[in-house]
Amino acid sequence: MTTLFSVFMQGVFLNNFILVMFLGLCSFFGVSKETKSALGMSATVTFVLAVTTPMTWLIYYYVLEPLKVEYLWIVAFILVIATYVQSAEFIIRKKSPSLYRALGIYLPLVASNCAILGAALLIVSWRYTFVESIVFGVSAGLGYSMVLLIMSGIRER
């Protein structure tokens, strides 16, 4: 339990993608002008991180490592991330056209957001377990969201 809490705190505060690792700055600066679009981007990034980190963990440990093709990890992770981002884009376009228009070009850029790929690479590099990878994905998304929403609130005033 303390390990999961530690992983959670790392994702939100200690290894915050924006404040500490400087990952995801393109979408951060582009979407932090309005709170509404920042909220949509936060939800999208958190969703994609929460889904892709455990999926990339499974692919690495149950496909790439047994087949001794670990060198394909970046290509495999990019494919997983792109698939989920396209799914999120499709859902947002159908469910909330106004949010889709507000996010504009930044929604497809989530696929190339270095924070998303960074999370996938970090969970493997740090040898997290499957459950820890889920906790880290969610907490990294929450940390990104926290900073993005604070900045958008400041910039909107």
N, C-alpha and C. Protein backbone atom coordinates (compact mmCIF):
# COMPACT_ATOMS: atom_id res chain seq x y z
N MET A 1 0.82 -1.19 0.00
CA MET A 1 0.00 0.00 0.00
C MET A 1 0.86 1.26 0.00
N THR A 2 1.92 1.25 0.83
CA THR A 2 2.78 2.43 0.85
C THR A 2 3.51 2.59 -0.47
N THR A 3 3.80 1.48 -1.13
CA THR A 3 4.46 1.57 -2.43
C THR A 3 3.55 2.24 -3.45
N LEU A 4 2.27 1.88 -3.45
CA LEU A 4 1.33 2.50 -4.39
C LEU A 4 1.14 3.98 -4.08
N PHE A 5 1.11 4.32 -2.79
CA PHE A 5 1.00 5.72 -2.42
C PHE A 5 2.24 6.48 -2.88
N SER A 6 3.40 5.86 -2.73
CA SER A 6 4.66 6.47 -3.18
C SER A 6 4.65 6.69 -4.69
N VAL A 7 4.18 5.70 -5.44
CA VAL A 7 4.09 5.82 -6.90
C VAL A 7 3.12 6.94 -7.26
N PHE A 8 1.99 7.02 -6.55
CA PHE A 8 1.01 8.07 -6.79
C PHE A 8 1.62 9.45 -6.56
N MET A 9 2.32 9.62 -5.45
CA MET A 9 2.94 10.91 -5.14
C MET A 9 4.03 11.27 -6.16
N GLN A 10 4.75 10.27 -6.64
CA GLN A 10 5.75 10.53 -7.67
C GLN A 10 5.10 11.06 -8.93
N GLY A 11 4.01 10.44 -9.34
CA GLY A 11 3.33 10.86 -10.56
C GLY A 11 2.74 12.25 -10.48
N VAL A 12 2.17 12.59 -9.33
CA VAL A 12 1.52 13.89 -9.19
C VAL A 12 2.52 14.99 -8.89
N PHE A 13 3.42 14.77 -7.93
CA PHE A 13 4.27 15.86 -7.45
C PHE A 13 5.76 15.68 -7.74
N LEU A 14 6.34 14.58 -7.29
CA LEU A 14 7.80 14.44 -7.30
C LEU A 14 8.38 14.33 -8.70
N ASN A 15 7.68 13.67 -9.60
CA ASN A 15 8.13 13.55 -10.99
C ASN A 15 7.08 14.13 -11.93
N ASN A 16 6.53 15.28 -11.57
CA ASN A 16 5.50 15.92 -12.38
C ASN A 16 6.05 16.18 -13.77
N PHE A 17 5.29 15.76 -14.78
CA PHE A 17 5.77 15.87 -16.15
C PHE A 17 6.09 17.30 -16.56
N ILE A 18 5.29 18.25 -16.15
CA ILE A 18 5.50 19.63 -16.58
C ILE A 18 6.53 20.33 -15.70
N LEU A 19 6.37 20.25 -14.38
CA LEU A 19 7.21 21.01 -13.47
C LEU A 19 8.60 20.42 -13.27
N VAL A 20 8.73 19.11 -13.32
CA VAL A 20 10.02 18.47 -13.03
C VAL A 20 10.69 17.95 -14.29
N MET A 21 9.94 17.23 -15.12
CA MET A 21 10.54 16.59 -16.29
C MET A 21 10.43 17.41 -17.57
N PHE A 22 9.66 18.47 -17.55
CA PHE A 22 9.46 19.34 -18.72
C PHE A 22 8.95 18.56 -19.93
N LEU A 23 8.04 17.63 -19.69
CA LEU A 23 7.42 16.87 -20.77
C LEU A 23 6.01 17.40 -21.01
N GLY A 24 5.58 17.41 -22.24
CA GLY A 24 4.22 17.84 -22.57
C GLY A 24 4.04 19.34 -22.60
N LEU A 25 5.11 20.08 -22.80
CA LEU A 25 5.02 21.54 -22.75
C LEU A 25 4.29 22.14 -23.94
N CYS A 26 4.34 21.49 -25.10
CA CYS A 26 3.68 22.02 -26.29
C CYS A 26 2.18 22.16 -26.05
N SER A 27 1.55 21.09 -25.64
CA SER A 27 0.11 21.16 -25.38
C SER A 27 -0.18 22.00 -24.14
N PHE A 28 0.72 22.01 -23.19
CA PHE A 28 0.53 22.81 -21.98
C PHE A 28 0.43 24.29 -22.31
N PHE A 29 1.36 24.81 -23.09
CA PHE A 29 1.32 26.23 -23.43
C PHE A 29 0.21 26.56 -24.42
N GLY A 30 -0.11 25.62 -25.28
CA GLY A 30 -1.14 25.88 -26.29
C GLY A 30 -2.55 25.89 -25.76
N VAL A 31 -2.83 25.10 -24.73
CA VAL A 31 -4.20 24.94 -24.26
C VAL A 31 -4.46 25.66 -22.94
N SER A 32 -3.44 26.22 -22.32
CA SER A 32 -3.63 26.80 -20.99
C SER A 32 -4.20 28.22 -21.02
N LYS A 33 -4.70 28.68 -22.16
CA LYS A 33 -5.27 30.03 -22.23
C LYS A 33 -6.68 30.09 -21.68
N GLU A 34 -7.46 29.03 -21.86
CA GLU A 34 -8.85 28.98 -21.40
C GLU A 34 -9.05 27.74 -20.53
N THR A 35 -9.78 27.92 -19.45
CA THR A 35 -10.00 26.82 -18.53
C THR A 35 -10.82 25.69 -19.16
N LYS A 36 -11.77 26.02 -20.03
CA LYS A 36 -12.61 24.98 -20.64
C LYS A 36 -11.77 24.05 -21.51
N SER A 37 -10.93 24.61 -22.37
CA SER A 37 -10.11 23.75 -23.21
C SER A 37 -9.03 23.04 -22.38
N ALA A 38 -8.55 23.70 -21.32
CA ALA A 38 -7.58 23.05 -20.44
C ALA A 38 -8.20 21.86 -19.72
N LEU A 39 -9.45 21.99 -19.34
CA LEU A 39 -10.14 20.89 -18.68
C LEU A 39 -10.32 19.71 -19.64
N GLY A 40 -10.68 20.01 -20.88
CA GLY A 40 -10.82 18.96 -21.88
C GLY A 40 -9.50 18.27 -22.18
N MET A 41 -8.43 19.05 -22.31
CA MET A 41 -7.11 18.47 -22.56
C MET A 41 -6.65 17.66 -21.35
N SER A 42 -6.93 18.15 -20.16
CA SER A 42 -6.56 17.41 -18.95
C SER A 42 -7.24 16.05 -18.91
N ALA A 43 -8.53 16.04 -19.20
CA ALA A 43 -9.27 14.78 -19.20
C ALA A 43 -8.74 13.83 -20.27
N THR A 44 -8.43 14.38 -21.44
CA THR A 44 -7.92 13.55 -22.53
C THR A 44 -6.56 12.95 -22.18
N VAL A 45 -5.65 13.78 -21.68
CA VAL A 45 -4.31 13.30 -21.33
C VAL A 45 -4.39 12.27 -20.20
N THR A 46 -5.22 12.54 -19.20
CA THR A 46 -5.36 11.60 -18.10
C THR A 46 -5.95 10.27 -18.58
N PHE A 47 -6.95 10.34 -19.45
CA PHE A 47 -7.54 9.11 -20.01
C PHE A 47 -6.50 8.32 -20.80
N VAL A 48 -5.78 9.01 -21.66
CA VAL A 48 -4.80 8.32 -22.50
C VAL A 48 -3.68 7.73 -21.65
N LEU A 49 -3.20 8.48 -20.65
CA LEU A 49 -2.17 7.95 -19.76
C LEU A 49 -2.68 6.75 -18.96
N ALA A 50 -3.90 6.84 -18.46
CA ALA A 50 -4.45 5.76 -17.65
C ALA A 50 -4.62 4.48 -18.45
N VAL A 51 -4.89 4.61 -19.74
CA VAL A 51 -5.12 3.42 -20.57
C VAL A 51 -3.82 2.92 -21.19
N THR A 52 -2.98 3.82 -21.66
CA THR A 52 -1.79 3.38 -22.39
C THR A 52 -0.68 2.85 -21.50
N THR A 53 -0.53 3.37 -20.29
CA THR A 53 0.57 2.86 -19.46
C THR A 53 0.41 1.38 -19.11
N PRO A 54 -0.76 0.92 -18.66
CA PRO A 54 -0.85 -0.53 -18.43
C PRO A 54 -0.80 -1.35 -19.72
N MET A 55 -1.34 -0.78 -20.80
CA MET A 55 -1.31 -1.51 -22.07
C MET A 55 0.13 -1.67 -22.57
N THR A 56 0.92 -0.61 -22.47
CA THR A 56 2.32 -0.72 -22.90
C THR A 56 3.10 -1.64 -21.97
N TRP A 57 2.76 -1.66 -20.69
CA TRP A 57 3.40 -2.58 -19.76
C TRP A 57 3.14 -4.02 -20.20
N LEU A 58 1.88 -4.32 -20.51
CA LEU A 58 1.52 -5.67 -20.95
C LEU A 58 2.25 -6.05 -22.24
N ILE A 59 2.29 -5.12 -23.17
CA ILE A 59 2.96 -5.40 -24.44
C ILE A 59 4.45 -5.66 -24.22
N TYR A 60 5.07 -4.86 -23.37
CA TYR A 60 6.51 -5.04 -23.15
C TYR A 60 6.81 -6.38 -22.48
N TYR A 61 6.11 -6.67 -21.38
CA TYR A 61 6.44 -7.86 -20.59
C TYR A 61 5.86 -9.16 -21.12
N TYR A 62 4.79 -9.10 -21.92
CA TYR A 62 4.18 -10.33 -22.41
C TYR A 62 4.36 -10.55 -23.91
N VAL A 63 4.89 -9.56 -24.61
CA VAL A 63 5.12 -9.74 -26.05
C VAL A 63 6.59 -9.48 -26.38
N LEU A 64 7.05 -8.28 -26.13
CA LEU A 64 8.40 -7.90 -26.56
C LEU A 64 9.49 -8.66 -25.82
N GLU A 65 9.38 -8.75 -24.49
CA GLU A 65 10.42 -9.43 -23.72
C GLU A 65 10.48 -10.94 -24.00
N PRO A 66 9.36 -11.66 -24.02
CA PRO A 66 9.44 -13.10 -24.33
C PRO A 66 9.97 -13.40 -25.73
N LEU A 67 9.66 -12.51 -26.68
CA LEU A 67 10.14 -12.71 -28.04
C LEU A 67 11.55 -12.17 -28.26
N LYS A 68 12.12 -11.60 -27.20
CA LYS A 68 13.47 -11.01 -27.25
C LYS A 68 13.58 -9.90 -28.30
N VAL A 69 12.53 -9.09 -28.41
CA VAL A 69 12.54 -7.96 -29.35
C VAL A 69 12.28 -6.65 -28.58
N GLU A 70 12.95 -6.51 -27.43
CA GLU A 70 12.75 -5.32 -26.61
C GLU A 70 13.12 -4.04 -27.34
N TYR A 71 13.99 -4.16 -28.34
CA TYR A 71 14.42 -2.98 -29.08
C TYR A 71 13.27 -2.34 -29.87
N LEU A 72 12.14 -3.02 -30.00
CA LEU A 72 10.97 -2.47 -30.69
C LEU A 72 10.03 -1.73 -29.75
N TRP A 73 10.45 -1.51 -28.50
CA TRP A 73 9.54 -0.94 -27.52
C TRP A 73 9.02 0.43 -27.90
N ILE A 74 9.85 1.29 -28.46
CA ILE A 74 9.39 2.64 -28.81
C ILE A 74 8.36 2.57 -29.93
N VAL A 75 8.61 1.77 -30.95
CA VAL A 75 7.66 1.64 -32.06
C VAL A 75 6.34 1.06 -31.56
N ALA A 76 6.41 0.03 -30.75
CA ALA A 76 5.18 -0.59 -30.22
C ALA A 76 4.40 0.39 -29.35
N PHE A 77 5.11 1.14 -28.52
CA PHE A 77 4.44 2.09 -27.63
C PHE A 77 3.79 3.22 -28.43
N ILE A 78 4.45 3.68 -29.47
CA ILE A 78 3.87 4.75 -30.30
C ILE A 78 2.60 4.25 -30.98
N LEU A 79 2.59 3.01 -31.44
CA LEU A 79 1.38 2.45 -32.06
C LEU A 79 0.22 2.36 -31.07
N VAL A 80 0.50 1.93 -29.86
CA VAL A 80 -0.54 1.85 -28.83
C VAL A 80 -1.09 3.23 -28.51
N ILE A 81 -0.19 4.19 -28.33
CA ILE A 81 -0.60 5.55 -27.98
C ILE A 81 -1.43 6.17 -29.11
N ALA A 82 -0.98 6.01 -30.33
CA ALA A 82 -1.71 6.58 -31.47
C ALA A 82 -3.11 5.98 -31.58
N THR A 83 -3.23 4.69 -31.33
CA THR A 83 -4.54 4.04 -31.39
C THR A 83 -5.49 4.61 -30.35
N TYR A 84 -5.02 4.75 -29.14
CA TYR A 84 -5.89 5.27 -28.08
C TYR A 84 -6.21 6.75 -28.26
N VAL A 85 -5.27 7.52 -28.75
CA VAL A 85 -5.55 8.94 -28.99
C VAL A 85 -6.59 9.11 -30.08
N GLN A 86 -6.49 8.32 -31.13
CA GLN A 86 -7.49 8.39 -32.19
C GLN A 86 -8.86 7.98 -31.66
N SER A 87 -8.89 7.01 -30.78
CA SER A 87 -10.16 6.61 -30.16
C SER A 87 -10.74 7.74 -29.32
N ALA A 88 -9.90 8.38 -28.53
CA ALA A 88 -10.35 9.51 -27.70
C ALA A 88 -10.85 10.65 -28.57
N GLU A 89 -10.14 10.93 -29.66
CA GLU A 89 -10.55 11.99 -30.57
C GLU A 89 -11.92 11.68 -31.17
N PHE A 90 -12.14 10.46 -31.57
CA PHE A 90 -13.42 10.05 -32.14
C PHE A 90 -14.55 10.22 -31.13
N ILE A 91 -14.31 9.80 -29.89
CA ILE A 91 -15.33 9.91 -28.84
C ILE A 91 -15.66 11.37 -28.55
N ILE A 92 -14.64 12.21 -28.43
CA ILE A 92 -14.86 13.63 -28.14
C ILE A 92 -15.59 14.30 -29.29
N ARG A 93 -15.24 13.96 -30.52
CA ARG A 93 -15.90 14.56 -31.68
C ARG A 93 -17.39 14.22 -31.69
N LYS A 94 -17.73 12.99 -31.31
CA LYS A 94 -19.14 12.56 -31.31
C LYS A 94 -19.90 13.09 -30.09
N LYS A 95 -19.27 13.09 -28.92
CA LYS A 95 -19.97 13.44 -27.68
C LYS A 95 -19.98 14.94 -27.39
N SER A 96 -18.92 15.65 -27.76
CA SER A 96 -18.83 17.07 -27.44
C SER A 96 -18.16 17.84 -28.57
N PRO A 97 -18.92 18.19 -29.61
CA PRO A 97 -18.33 18.92 -30.74
C PRO A 97 -17.72 20.26 -30.34
N SER A 98 -18.31 20.93 -29.33
CA SER A 98 -17.75 22.21 -28.90
C SER A 98 -16.37 22.02 -28.26
N LEU A 99 -16.21 20.98 -27.47
CA LEU A 99 -14.91 20.68 -26.88
C LEU A 99 -13.92 20.27 -27.97
N TYR A 100 -14.40 19.52 -28.95
CA TYR A 100 -13.55 19.11 -30.06
C TYR A 100 -13.01 20.33 -30.81
N ARG A 101 -13.88 21.32 -31.05
CA ARG A 101 -13.45 22.55 -31.72
C ARG A 101 -12.51 23.36 -30.82
N ALA A 102 -12.78 23.38 -29.51
CA ALA A 102 -11.94 24.14 -28.58
C ALA A 102 -10.53 23.57 -28.51
N LEU A 103 -10.43 22.25 -28.54
CA LEU A 103 -9.11 21.62 -28.47
C LEU A 103 -8.35 21.77 -29.78
N GLY A 104 -9.07 21.85 -30.89
CA GLY A 104 -8.45 22.10 -32.18
C GLY A 104 -7.34 21.14 -32.51
N ILE A 105 -6.20 21.70 -32.89
CA ILE A 105 -5.05 20.91 -33.33
C ILE A 105 -4.39 20.16 -32.18
N TYR A 106 -4.66 20.56 -30.94
CA TYR A 106 -3.95 19.95 -29.82
C TYR A 106 -4.41 18.54 -29.51
N LEU A 107 -5.62 18.20 -29.89
CA LEU A 107 -6.09 16.83 -29.65
C LEU A 107 -5.27 15.80 -30.43
N PRO A 108 -5.08 15.99 -31.74
CA PRO A 108 -4.20 15.03 -32.43
C PRO A 108 -2.75 15.09 -31.94
N LEU A 109 -2.35 16.23 -31.39
CA LEU A 109 -0.98 16.35 -30.88
C LEU A 109 -0.75 15.53 -29.62
N VAL A 110 -1.83 15.10 -28.95
CA VAL A 110 -1.66 14.25 -27.78
C VAL A 110 -0.95 12.96 -28.19
N ALA A 111 -1.18 12.52 -29.41
CA ALA A 111 -0.53 11.29 -29.89
C ALA A 111 0.98 11.45 -29.92
N SER A 112 1.44 12.65 -30.19
CA SER A 112 2.89 12.89 -30.21
C SER A 112 3.36 13.62 -28.96
N ASN A 113 2.51 13.70 -27.96
CA ASN A 113 2.88 14.35 -26.70
C ASN A 113 3.96 13.52 -26.02
N CYS A 114 5.07 14.15 -25.76
CA CYS A 114 6.19 13.41 -25.19
C CYS A 114 5.89 12.92 -23.78
N ALA A 115 4.93 13.54 -23.09
CA ALA A 115 4.56 13.06 -21.76
C ALA A 115 3.91 11.68 -21.83
N ILE A 116 3.13 11.45 -22.86
CA ILE A 116 2.46 10.16 -23.01
C ILE A 116 3.49 9.06 -23.29
N LEU A 117 4.36 9.31 -24.25
CA LEU A 117 5.41 8.33 -24.55
C LEU A 117 6.38 8.22 -23.38
N GLY A 118 6.67 9.34 -22.74
CA GLY A 118 7.57 9.33 -21.58
C GLY A 118 7.06 8.43 -20.46
N ALA A 119 5.76 8.49 -20.20
CA ALA A 119 5.17 7.64 -19.15
C ALA A 119 5.33 6.17 -19.51
N ALA A 120 5.09 5.84 -20.76
CA ALA A 120 5.22 4.44 -21.19
C ALA A 120 6.66 3.96 -21.04
N LEU A 121 7.60 4.80 -21.41
CA LEU A 121 9.01 4.42 -21.29
C LEU A 121 9.46 4.35 -19.84
N LEU A 122 8.95 5.27 -19.01
CA LEU A 122 9.36 5.30 -17.61
C LEU A 122 8.88 4.09 -16.83
N ILE A 123 7.66 3.64 -17.08
CA ILE A 123 7.17 2.49 -16.30
C ILE A 123 7.98 1.23 -16.57
N VAL A 124 8.50 1.13 -17.78
CA VAL A 124 9.36 -0.02 -18.09
C VAL A 124 10.76 0.20 -17.52
N SER A 125 11.29 1.41 -17.68
CA SER A 125 12.64 1.71 -17.18
C SER A 125 12.71 1.60 -15.66
N TRP A 126 11.67 2.03 -14.98
CA TRP A 126 11.64 1.99 -13.52
C TRP A 126 11.17 0.64 -12.98
N ARG A 127 10.88 -0.31 -13.88
CA ARG A 127 10.48 -1.67 -13.53
C ARG A 127 9.25 -1.70 -12.61
N TYR A 128 8.27 -0.88 -12.93
CA TYR A 128 7.02 -0.90 -12.18
C TYR A 128 6.26 -2.19 -12.44
N THR A 129 5.47 -2.60 -11.46
CA THR A 129 4.57 -3.73 -11.66
C THR A 129 3.36 -3.24 -12.47
N PHE A 130 2.48 -4.16 -12.82
CA PHE A 130 1.30 -3.80 -13.59
C PHE A 130 0.42 -2.81 -12.82
N VAL A 131 0.17 -3.09 -11.56
CA VAL A 131 -0.67 -2.19 -10.75
C VAL A 131 0.02 -0.85 -10.57
N GLU A 132 1.32 -0.86 -10.33
CA GLU A 132 2.05 0.41 -10.20
C GLU A 132 2.00 1.21 -11.49
N SER A 133 2.01 0.54 -12.64
CA SER A 133 1.93 1.26 -13.91
C SER A 133 0.57 1.94 -14.07
N ILE A 134 -0.49 1.30 -13.60
CA ILE A 134 -1.82 1.92 -13.64
C ILE A 134 -1.84 3.15 -12.73
N VAL A 135 -1.34 2.98 -11.51
CA VAL A 135 -1.31 4.09 -10.55
C VAL A 135 -0.47 5.24 -11.09
N PHE A 136 0.68 4.92 -11.68
CA PHE A 136 1.53 5.98 -12.22
C PHE A 136 0.87 6.68 -13.39
N GLY A 137 0.22 5.95 -14.27
CA GLY A 137 -0.46 6.56 -15.41
C GLY A 137 -1.54 7.53 -14.97
N VAL A 138 -2.36 7.10 -14.03
CA VAL A 138 -3.43 7.97 -13.53
C VAL A 138 -2.85 9.17 -12.79
N SER A 139 -1.86 8.93 -11.92
CA SER A 139 -1.30 10.03 -11.14
C SER A 139 -0.52 11.01 -12.00
N ALA A 140 0.16 10.53 -13.02
CA ALA A 140 0.86 11.44 -13.93
C ALA A 140 -0.14 12.31 -14.68
N GLY A 141 -1.26 11.72 -15.08
CA GLY A 141 -2.32 12.50 -15.72
C GLY A 141 -2.91 13.53 -14.78
N LEU A 142 -3.10 13.14 -13.52
CA LEU A 142 -3.63 14.09 -12.54
C LEU A 142 -2.64 15.21 -12.25
N GLY A 143 -1.35 14.88 -12.20
CA GLY A 143 -0.34 15.91 -12.01
C GLY A 143 -0.28 16.89 -13.17
N TYR A 144 -0.35 16.35 -14.38
CA TYR A 144 -0.41 17.19 -15.58
C TYR A 144 -1.65 18.08 -15.53
N SER A 145 -2.78 17.49 -15.18
CA SER A 145 -4.04 18.23 -15.12
C SER A 145 -3.99 19.33 -14.07
N MET A 146 -3.43 19.02 -12.92
CA MET A 146 -3.34 20.00 -11.85
C MET A 146 -2.58 21.24 -12.30
N VAL A 147 -1.42 21.04 -12.88
CA VAL A 147 -0.61 22.18 -13.32
C VAL A 147 -1.29 22.92 -14.47
N LEU A 148 -1.87 22.19 -15.41
CA LEU A 148 -2.54 22.81 -16.55
C LEU A 148 -3.73 23.65 -16.10
N LEU A 149 -4.53 23.14 -15.18
CA LEU A 149 -5.71 23.88 -14.71
C LEU A 149 -5.32 25.09 -13.86
N ILE A 150 -4.29 24.97 -13.06
CA ILE A 150 -3.82 26.13 -12.29
C ILE A 150 -3.32 27.21 -13.23
N MET A 151 -2.53 26.83 -14.22
CA MET A 151 -2.01 27.81 -15.17
C MET A 151 -3.12 28.43 -16.00
N SER A 152 -4.10 27.65 -16.42
CA SER A 152 -5.19 28.21 -17.22
C SER A 152 -6.02 29.18 -16.39
N GLY A 153 -6.20 28.87 -15.11
CA GLY A 153 -6.92 29.80 -14.23
C GLY A 153 -6.18 31.11 -14.07
N ILE A 154 -4.87 31.03 -13.96
CA ILE A 154 -4.05 32.25 -13.84
C ILE A 154 -4.09 33.04 -15.14
N ARG A 155 -3.93 32.37 -16.26
CA ARG A 155 -3.90 33.06 -17.56
C ARG A 155 -5.26 33.63 -17.94
N GLU A 156 -6.33 33.01 -17.49
CA GLU A 156 -7.67 33.49 -17.84
C GLU A 156 -8.00 34.79 -17.11
N ARG A 157 -7.46 34.97 -15.95
CA ARG A 157 -7.70 36.20 -15.20
C ARG A 157 -6.97 37.32 -15.87
